Amino acid sequence: MAATYALCEGGCTGPSPVDRARTGSKHHLLSDSRGVPLAVSLTGGNRNDVTQLLPLVDGLEPIAGKRGRPRRRPGRLLADRGYDFDKYRRELRSRRSSR
């Protein structure tokens, strides 16, 4: 699959980590187990992915679909090893207990 580059310059573009001569952007996405997007953000290509973890989790809308009060957060969060830091685990646990 070919890399996607931003078509124009803007606030959400930055130097591409793959091709230093071009600017690019990254699409950050949280989805449910079926692949339905729940939260999306766009940053410059030079931003680290883990910087968008907490803003994406905070941006989740209530999950509808079942009777009763809608869930505020998903039951589980699965991510790759790049997100496995004690700092972010503590932050996610604190958000779970405060809701």
N, C-alpha and C. Protein backbone atom coordinates (compact mmCIF):
# COMPACT_ATOMS: atom_id res chain seq x y z
N MET A 1 0.84 -1.17 0.00
CA MET A 1 0.00 0.00 0.00
C MET A 1 0.89 1.24 0.00
N ALA A 2 0.62 2.17 -0.84
CA ALA A 2 1.45 3.36 -0.96
C ALA A 2 1.19 4.32 0.19
N ALA A 3 2.20 5.10 0.54
CA ALA A 3 2.06 6.09 1.61
C ALA A 3 1.14 7.21 1.16
N THR A 4 0.38 7.76 2.09
CA THR A 4 -0.52 8.86 1.80
C THR A 4 0.12 10.16 2.24
N TYR A 5 0.15 11.13 1.39
CA TYR A 5 0.72 12.43 1.70
C TYR A 5 -0.37 13.48 1.66
N ALA A 6 -0.23 14.49 2.49
CA ALA A 6 -1.19 15.59 2.49
C ALA A 6 -1.10 16.33 1.15
N LEU A 7 -2.24 16.72 0.62
CA LEU A 7 -2.26 17.39 -0.67
C LEU A 7 -1.83 18.85 -0.57
N CYS A 8 -2.04 19.47 0.57
CA CYS A 8 -1.63 20.86 0.74
C CYS A 8 -0.95 21.05 2.08
N GLU A 9 -0.24 22.13 2.18
CA GLU A 9 0.41 22.49 3.43
C GLU A 9 -0.67 22.93 4.42
N GLY A 10 -0.44 22.72 5.70
CA GLY A 10 -1.40 23.15 6.69
C GLY A 10 -0.91 22.87 8.08
N GLY A 11 -1.75 23.11 9.06
CA GLY A 11 -1.38 22.92 10.45
C GLY A 11 -1.20 21.47 10.84
N CYS A 12 -1.77 20.56 10.11
CA CYS A 12 -1.68 19.13 10.45
C CYS A 12 -0.69 18.39 9.56
N THR A 13 0.26 19.11 9.02
CA THR A 13 1.29 18.43 8.23
C THR A 13 2.64 18.65 8.89
N GLY A 14 3.55 17.75 8.66
CA GLY A 14 4.89 17.84 9.22
C GLY A 14 5.82 17.00 8.39
N PRO A 15 7.12 17.06 8.66
CA PRO A 15 8.06 16.26 7.88
C PRO A 15 7.74 14.77 7.97
N SER A 16 7.75 14.11 6.87
CA SER A 16 7.45 12.69 6.84
C SER A 16 8.64 11.91 7.41
N PRO A 17 8.40 10.94 8.32
CA PRO A 17 9.51 10.15 8.82
C PRO A 17 10.07 9.18 7.77
N VAL A 18 9.33 8.95 6.70
CA VAL A 18 9.76 8.03 5.65
C VAL A 18 10.49 8.77 4.55
N ASP A 19 9.94 9.86 4.08
CA ASP A 19 10.51 10.64 2.99
C ASP A 19 10.71 12.06 3.49
N ARG A 20 11.90 12.40 3.90
CA ARG A 20 12.19 13.69 4.55
C ARG A 20 11.93 14.89 3.65
N ALA A 21 11.85 14.69 2.37
CA ALA A 21 11.67 15.81 1.46
C ALA A 21 10.20 16.26 1.39
N ARG A 22 9.28 15.44 1.84
CA ARG A 22 7.86 15.76 1.73
C ARG A 22 7.24 15.94 3.10
N THR A 23 6.18 16.74 3.13
CA THR A 23 5.39 16.84 4.35
C THR A 23 4.31 15.78 4.29
N GLY A 24 3.83 15.37 5.44
CA GLY A 24 2.81 14.34 5.46
C GLY A 24 1.94 14.47 6.69
N SER A 25 0.98 13.60 6.81
CA SER A 25 0.08 13.61 7.95
C SER A 25 -0.18 12.17 8.39
N LYS A 26 -0.58 12.04 9.66
CA LYS A 26 -0.94 10.73 10.21
C LYS A 26 -2.39 10.77 10.65
N HIS A 27 -3.07 9.68 10.39
CA HIS A 27 -4.45 9.51 10.81
C HIS A 27 -4.44 8.58 12.02
N HIS A 28 -4.95 9.04 13.15
CA HIS A 28 -5.02 8.24 14.37
C HIS A 28 -6.48 7.84 14.56
N LEU A 29 -6.71 6.58 14.89
CA LEU A 29 -8.07 6.06 14.91
C LEU A 29 -8.27 5.07 16.04
N LEU A 30 -9.39 5.21 16.74
CA LEU A 30 -9.86 4.19 17.67
C LEU A 30 -11.10 3.57 17.05
N SER A 31 -11.18 2.25 17.05
CA SER A 31 -12.36 1.59 16.47
C SER A 31 -12.85 0.51 17.42
N ASP A 32 -14.09 0.07 17.19
CA ASP A 32 -14.60 -1.04 17.99
C ASP A 32 -14.13 -2.36 17.38
N SER A 33 -14.57 -3.47 17.94
CA SER A 33 -14.08 -4.78 17.49
C SER A 33 -14.52 -5.11 16.06
N ARG A 34 -15.50 -4.40 15.54
CA ARG A 34 -15.96 -4.62 14.17
C ARG A 34 -15.29 -3.69 13.17
N GLY A 35 -14.44 -2.78 13.66
CA GLY A 35 -13.76 -1.84 12.78
C GLY A 35 -14.50 -0.54 12.57
N VAL A 36 -15.57 -0.30 13.32
CA VAL A 36 -16.32 0.95 13.20
C VAL A 36 -15.55 2.05 13.95
N PRO A 37 -15.21 3.14 13.26
CA PRO A 37 -14.45 4.21 13.92
C PRO A 37 -15.23 4.84 15.06
N LEU A 38 -14.57 5.04 16.21
CA LEU A 38 -15.17 5.68 17.37
C LEU A 38 -14.58 7.07 17.61
N ALA A 39 -13.30 7.25 17.30
CA ALA A 39 -12.65 8.55 17.45
C ALA A 39 -11.52 8.64 16.43
N VAL A 40 -11.34 9.83 15.86
CA VAL A 40 -10.36 10.05 14.80
C VAL A 40 -9.64 11.37 15.05
N SER A 41 -8.34 11.40 14.79
CA SER A 41 -7.60 12.66 14.81
C SER A 41 -6.56 12.65 13.70
N LEU A 42 -6.10 13.83 13.33
CA LEU A 42 -5.13 14.00 12.26
C LEU A 42 -3.99 14.87 12.80
N THR A 43 -2.75 14.39 12.64
CA THR A 43 -1.58 15.15 13.08
C THR A 43 -0.54 15.16 11.98
N GLY A 44 0.52 15.92 12.20
CA GLY A 44 1.64 15.95 11.28
C GLY A 44 2.35 14.61 11.25
N GLY A 45 3.01 14.32 10.14
CA GLY A 45 3.68 13.04 9.97
C GLY A 45 4.84 12.81 10.91
N ASN A 46 5.33 13.87 11.55
CA ASN A 46 6.47 13.73 12.44
C ASN A 46 6.07 13.52 13.89
N ARG A 47 4.79 13.47 14.22
CA ARG A 47 4.32 13.29 15.59
C ARG A 47 4.35 11.81 15.96
N ASN A 48 4.69 11.53 17.20
CA ASN A 48 4.69 10.17 17.71
C ASN A 48 3.24 9.72 17.93
N ASP A 49 2.93 8.48 17.63
CA ASP A 49 1.56 7.98 17.74
C ASP A 49 1.02 8.02 19.17
N VAL A 50 1.87 7.73 20.14
CA VAL A 50 1.40 7.61 21.52
C VAL A 50 0.92 8.96 22.07
N THR A 51 1.33 10.07 21.46
CA THR A 51 0.87 11.38 21.93
C THR A 51 -0.63 11.57 21.72
N GLN A 52 -1.23 10.79 20.86
CA GLN A 52 -2.65 10.92 20.56
C GLN A 52 -3.53 9.92 21.30
N LEU A 53 -2.93 9.05 22.10
CA LEU A 53 -3.71 8.03 22.81
C LEU A 53 -4.73 8.66 23.75
N LEU A 54 -4.30 9.50 24.66
CA LEU A 54 -5.22 10.08 25.65
C LEU A 54 -6.24 11.03 25.02
N PRO A 55 -5.86 11.90 24.06
CA PRO A 55 -6.89 12.72 23.42
C PRO A 55 -7.95 11.89 22.68
N LEU A 56 -7.56 10.77 22.07
CA LEU A 56 -8.55 9.93 21.40
C LEU A 56 -9.48 9.27 22.41
N VAL A 57 -8.93 8.77 23.51
CA VAL A 57 -9.77 8.14 24.53
C VAL A 57 -10.72 9.17 25.15
N ASP A 58 -10.21 10.38 25.39
CA ASP A 58 -11.05 11.43 25.95
C ASP A 58 -12.13 11.89 24.98
N GLY A 59 -11.89 11.73 23.68
CA GLY A 59 -12.85 12.16 22.67
C GLY A 59 -13.94 11.16 22.35
N LEU A 60 -13.94 10.01 23.03
CA LEU A 60 -14.97 9.01 22.76
C LEU A 60 -16.35 9.51 23.18
N GLU A 61 -17.30 9.29 22.32
CA GLU A 61 -18.70 9.61 22.61
C GLU A 61 -19.34 8.42 23.33
N PRO A 62 -20.47 8.62 24.01
CA PRO A 62 -21.14 7.48 24.64
C PRO A 62 -21.47 6.40 23.61
N ILE A 63 -21.31 5.16 24.00
CA ILE A 63 -21.54 4.03 23.10
C ILE A 63 -23.00 3.60 23.23
N ALA A 64 -23.75 3.77 22.16
CA ALA A 64 -25.17 3.44 22.16
C ALA A 64 -25.39 2.06 21.56
N GLY A 65 -26.61 1.59 21.61
CA GLY A 65 -26.95 0.35 20.94
C GLY A 65 -27.69 -0.63 21.82
N LYS A 66 -27.47 -0.59 23.12
CA LYS A 66 -28.19 -1.48 24.03
C LYS A 66 -29.12 -0.67 24.90
N ARG A 67 -30.14 -1.31 25.44
CA ARG A 67 -31.08 -0.62 26.32
C ARG A 67 -30.38 -0.18 27.60
N GLY A 68 -30.91 0.86 28.19
CA GLY A 68 -30.34 1.35 29.43
C GLY A 68 -29.41 2.52 29.19
N ARG A 69 -28.68 2.87 30.23
CA ARG A 69 -27.76 3.99 30.14
C ARG A 69 -26.60 3.63 29.22
N PRO A 70 -26.27 4.50 28.24
CA PRO A 70 -25.16 4.17 27.33
C PRO A 70 -23.83 4.15 28.07
N ARG A 71 -22.95 3.27 27.62
CA ARG A 71 -21.60 3.17 28.22
C ARG A 71 -20.80 4.41 27.85
N ARG A 72 -20.00 4.89 28.79
CA ARG A 72 -19.15 6.04 28.53
C ARG A 72 -17.81 5.63 27.94
N ARG A 73 -17.36 4.43 28.25
CA ARG A 73 -16.06 3.93 27.79
C ARG A 73 -16.19 2.48 27.36
N PRO A 74 -15.35 2.04 26.45
CA PRO A 74 -15.34 0.62 26.10
C PRO A 74 -14.82 -0.21 27.28
N GLY A 75 -15.15 -1.48 27.30
CA GLY A 75 -14.69 -2.37 28.37
C GLY A 75 -13.20 -2.64 28.32
N ARG A 76 -12.62 -2.67 27.14
CA ARG A 76 -11.19 -2.95 26.96
C ARG A 76 -10.59 -2.03 25.92
N LEU A 77 -9.29 -1.85 26.03
CA LEU A 77 -8.55 -1.10 25.03
C LEU A 77 -7.36 -1.95 24.62
N LEU A 78 -7.31 -2.30 23.35
CA LEU A 78 -6.20 -3.10 22.81
C LEU A 78 -5.35 -2.22 21.92
N ALA A 79 -4.03 -2.30 22.11
CA ALA A 79 -3.11 -1.50 21.32
C ALA A 79 -1.82 -2.29 21.12
N ASP A 80 -0.97 -1.84 20.21
CA ASP A 80 0.29 -2.54 20.01
C ASP A 80 1.32 -2.11 21.07
N ARG A 81 2.48 -2.69 21.02
CA ARG A 81 3.50 -2.50 22.05
C ARG A 81 3.99 -1.06 22.14
N GLY A 82 3.85 -0.29 21.11
CA GLY A 82 4.29 1.10 21.13
C GLY A 82 3.55 1.96 22.12
N TYR A 83 2.40 1.50 22.60
CA TYR A 83 1.60 2.24 23.56
C TYR A 83 1.76 1.70 24.98
N ASP A 84 2.61 0.72 25.18
CA ASP A 84 2.74 0.04 26.47
C ASP A 84 3.76 0.74 27.37
N PHE A 85 3.29 1.80 28.02
CA PHE A 85 4.11 2.54 28.97
C PHE A 85 3.34 2.65 30.28
N ASP A 86 4.04 2.54 31.39
CA ASP A 86 3.38 2.64 32.69
C ASP A 86 2.64 3.96 32.85
N LYS A 87 3.21 5.03 32.32
CA LYS A 87 2.58 6.35 32.41
C LYS A 87 1.17 6.33 31.82
N TYR A 88 1.02 5.75 30.65
CA TYR A 88 -0.28 5.73 29.98
C TYR A 88 -1.22 4.71 30.63
N ARG A 89 -0.69 3.61 31.14
CA ARG A 89 -1.53 2.66 31.87
C ARG A 89 -2.15 3.33 33.10
N ARG A 90 -1.33 4.10 33.84
CA ARG A 90 -1.85 4.80 35.02
C ARG A 90 -2.92 5.82 34.63
N GLU A 91 -2.65 6.57 33.57
CA GLU A 91 -3.63 7.56 33.11
C GLU A 91 -4.95 6.91 32.70
N LEU A 92 -4.88 5.80 31.99
CA LEU A 92 -6.10 5.11 31.55
C LEU A 92 -6.85 4.53 32.74
N ARG A 93 -6.12 3.98 33.72
CA ARG A 93 -6.78 3.46 34.92
C ARG A 93 -7.47 4.57 35.69
N SER A 94 -6.82 5.72 35.81
CA SER A 94 -7.43 6.83 36.54
C SER A 94 -8.68 7.33 35.82
N ARG A 95 -8.68 7.31 34.51
CA ARG A 95 -9.87 7.72 33.76
C ARG A 95 -11.00 6.71 33.93
N ARG A 96 -10.67 5.43 34.02
CA ARG A 96 -11.68 4.39 34.21
C ARG A 96 -12.34 4.53 35.57
N SER A 97 -11.56 4.79 36.61
CA SER A 97 -12.13 4.87 37.95
C SER A 97 -12.89 6.17 38.19
N SER A 98 -12.57 7.22 37.43
CA SER A 98 -13.26 8.51 37.64
C SER A 98 -14.56 8.62 36.89
N ARG A 99 -14.87 7.69 36.03
CA ARG A 99 -16.12 7.77 35.24
C ARG A 99 -17.18 6.91 35.83
